[in-house]
Protein backbone atom coordinates (compact mmCIF):
# COMPACT_ATOMS: atom_id res chain seq x y z
CA UNK A 1 -15.51 -21.29 -47.49
CA UNK A 2 -14.13 -23.82 -44.90
CA UNK A 3 -10.84 -22.22 -45.28
CA UNK A 4 -12.33 -18.73 -44.62
CA UNK A 5 -14.03 -20.03 -41.45
CA UNK A 6 -10.84 -21.65 -40.28
CA UNK A 7 -9.11 -18.36 -40.75
CA UNK A 8 -11.79 -16.39 -38.76
CA UNK A 9 -11.68 -18.94 -36.01
CA UNK A 10 -7.73 -18.91 -35.74
CA UNK A 11 -7.75 -14.87 -35.75
CA UNK A 12 -10.57 -14.88 -33.15
CA UNK A 13 -8.76 -17.26 -30.86
CA UNK A 14 -5.45 -15.45 -31.29
CA UNK A 15 -7.25 -12.14 -30.42
CA UNK A 16 -8.96 -13.72 -27.37
CA UNK A 17 -5.50 -15.19 -26.37
CA UNK A 18 -3.86 -11.74 -26.52
CA UNK A 19 -6.68 -10.23 -24.72
CA UNK A 20 -6.39 -12.76 -21.74
CA UNK A 21 -2.58 -12.17 -21.63
CA UNK A 22 -2.85 -8.47 -21.28
CA UNK A 23 -5.45 -8.83 -18.64
CA UNK A 24 -3.25 -11.19 -16.69
CA UNK A 25 -0.22 -9.01 -17.16
CA UNK A 26 -2.01 -5.87 -16.10
CA UNK A 27 -3.44 -7.69 -12.99
CA UNK A 28 0.05 -8.96 -11.94
CA UNK A 29 1.76 -5.55 -12.49
CA UNK A 30 -1.08 -3.86 -10.43
CA UNK A 31 -0.58 -6.27 -7.52
CA UNK A 32 3.27 -5.92 -7.72
CA UNK A 33 2.92 -2.07 -7.80
CA UNK A 34 0.81 -2.12 -4.64
CA UNK A 35 2.91 -4.44 -2.78
CA UNK A 36 5.87 -2.16 -3.62
CA UNK A 37 4.00 0.68 -2.11
CA UNK A 38 3.72 -1.08 1.30
CA UNK A 39 7.37 -2.17 1.10
CA UNK A 40 8.52 1.44 0.15
CA UNK A 41 6.52 2.78 3.20
CA UNK A 42 8.25 0.18 5.59
CA UNK A 43 11.69 0.82 4.06
CA UNK A 44 11.26 4.75 4.35
CA UNK A 45 10.18 4.33 8.00
CA UNK A 46 13.17 1.97 8.78
CA UNK A 47 15.76 4.29 7.07
CA UNK A 48 14.44 7.43 8.62
CA UNK A 49 13.53 6.47 12.07
CA UNK A 50 15.46 5.65 15.09
CA UNK A 51 13.55 2.51 16.07
CA UNK A 52 14.51 -0.93 17.41
CA UNK A 53 11.95 -2.61 15.14
CA UNK A 54 9.67 -1.64 12.35
CA UNK A 55 6.96 -4.33 11.67
CA UNK A 56 4.32 -4.33 8.96
CA UNK A 57 1.21 -5.77 10.61
CA UNK A 58 -0.89 -5.80 7.47
CA UNK A 59 -1.58 -4.52 4.00
CA UNK A 60 -4.96 -4.83 2.51
CA UNK A 61 -6.38 -3.69 -0.88
CA UNK A 62 -10.06 -4.07 -1.85
CA UNK A 63 -13.24 -2.64 -0.44
CA UNK A 64 -13.32 -3.02 3.32
CA UNK A 65 -15.65 -1.38 5.93
CA UNK A 66 -15.30 -0.90 9.68
CA UNK A 67 -17.24 1.04 12.09
CA UNK A 68 -13.93 2.76 13.18
CA UNK A 69 -12.52 3.44 9.80
CA UNK A 70 -15.49 3.71 7.52
CA UNK A 71 -15.05 2.49 3.88
CA UNK A 72 -11.34 1.89 2.65
CA UNK A 73 -9.89 0.51 -0.45
CA UNK A 74 -6.19 0.28 0.53
CA UNK A 75 -4.70 0.22 4.12
CA UNK A 76 -1.71 -0.56 5.94
CA UNK A 77 -0.56 -0.79 9.50
CA UNK A 78 3.06 -0.66 10.99
CA UNK A 79 4.42 -1.21 14.43
CA UNK A 80 7.30 1.06 15.36
CA UNK A 81 8.99 -0.35 18.58
CA UNK A 82 10.98 1.73 21.11
CA UNK A 83 11.53 4.76 18.74
CA UNK A 84 13.60 7.55 19.77
CA UNK A 85 11.76 10.99 19.33
CA UNK A 86 11.20 14.17 21.39
CA UNK A 87 7.59 15.06 20.39
CA UNK A 88 5.19 12.40 18.99
CA UNK A 89 3.11 14.98 16.95
CA UNK A 90 6.35 16.51 15.32
CA UNK A 91 7.62 12.82 14.59
CA UNK A 92 4.30 11.97 12.88
CA UNK A 93 4.33 15.14 10.83
CA UNK A 94 7.98 14.62 9.82
CA UNK A 95 7.16 11.02 8.74
CA UNK A 96 4.13 11.85 6.82
CA UNK A 97 6.05 14.52 4.89
CA UNK A 98 8.81 12.06 4.24
CA UNK A 99 6.28 9.41 2.89
CA UNK A 100 4.68 11.98 0.67
CA UNK A 101 7.90 12.75 -0.90
CA UNK A 102 9.49 9.29 -1.25
CA UNK A 103 6.52 6.96 -1.83
CA UNK A 104 4.69 6.91 -5.08
CA UNK A 105 1.05 6.69 -4.65
CA UNK A 106 1.21 7.39 -0.88
CA UNK A 107 -1.67 9.85 -1.03
CA UNK A 108 -3.80 7.04 -2.35
CA UNK A 109 -3.40 4.95 0.65
CA UNK A 110 -6.76 5.30 2.35
CA UNK A 111 -5.57 4.51 6.00
CA UNK A 112 -2.11 4.24 7.26
CA UNK A 113 -1.81 3.36 11.00
CA UNK A 114 1.34 3.78 12.90
CA UNK A 115 1.70 2.27 16.24
CA UNK A 116 4.51 3.69 18.45
CA UNK A 117 5.09 1.11 21.14
CA UNK A 118 7.61 1.58 23.93
CA UNK A 119 8.21 0.11 27.31
CA UNK A 120 5.72 2.40 28.99
CA UNK A 121 3.72 3.97 26.22
CA UNK A 122 1.64 2.94 23.21
CA UNK A 123 0.44 5.73 20.80
CA UNK A 124 -1.52 5.28 17.75
CA UNK A 125 -1.19 7.71 14.74
CA UNK A 126 -3.71 7.51 11.95
CA UNK A 127 -3.16 9.04 8.46
CA UNK A 128 -6.04 9.09 5.87
CA UNK A 129 -5.05 9.79 2.43
CA UNK A 130 -1.80 11.63 3.50
CA UNK A 131 -3.64 13.61 6.17
CA UNK A 132 -2.86 13.00 9.90
CA UNK A 133 -6.15 12.73 11.87
């Protein structure tokens, strides 16, 4: 009977260890996937825009609330410095279409803010779930 109890405890501990391992692995993979999304957005902007600089201000994942943006679970903000474009609205549409095509999970990004900063101008484009606001 003691041997049976020992086997049950060993199997139980092994199962618990495997469960914890799978949970940790899944959490790490999920974190890496989301960080890749922000990195992929930044890379796509850098490769497809004629800007002096592209800076990622922030990437946040988790439930957030603000009076301006409402409730979001995932948001990112980028600064695009001294970009060359003819029409801001057309450039925003072009970028949005590009990001939808090249960034996996882009439509899941609740809020993407692109700040176009120039010597004399400062414009902010807000994109919610892949739709320009």
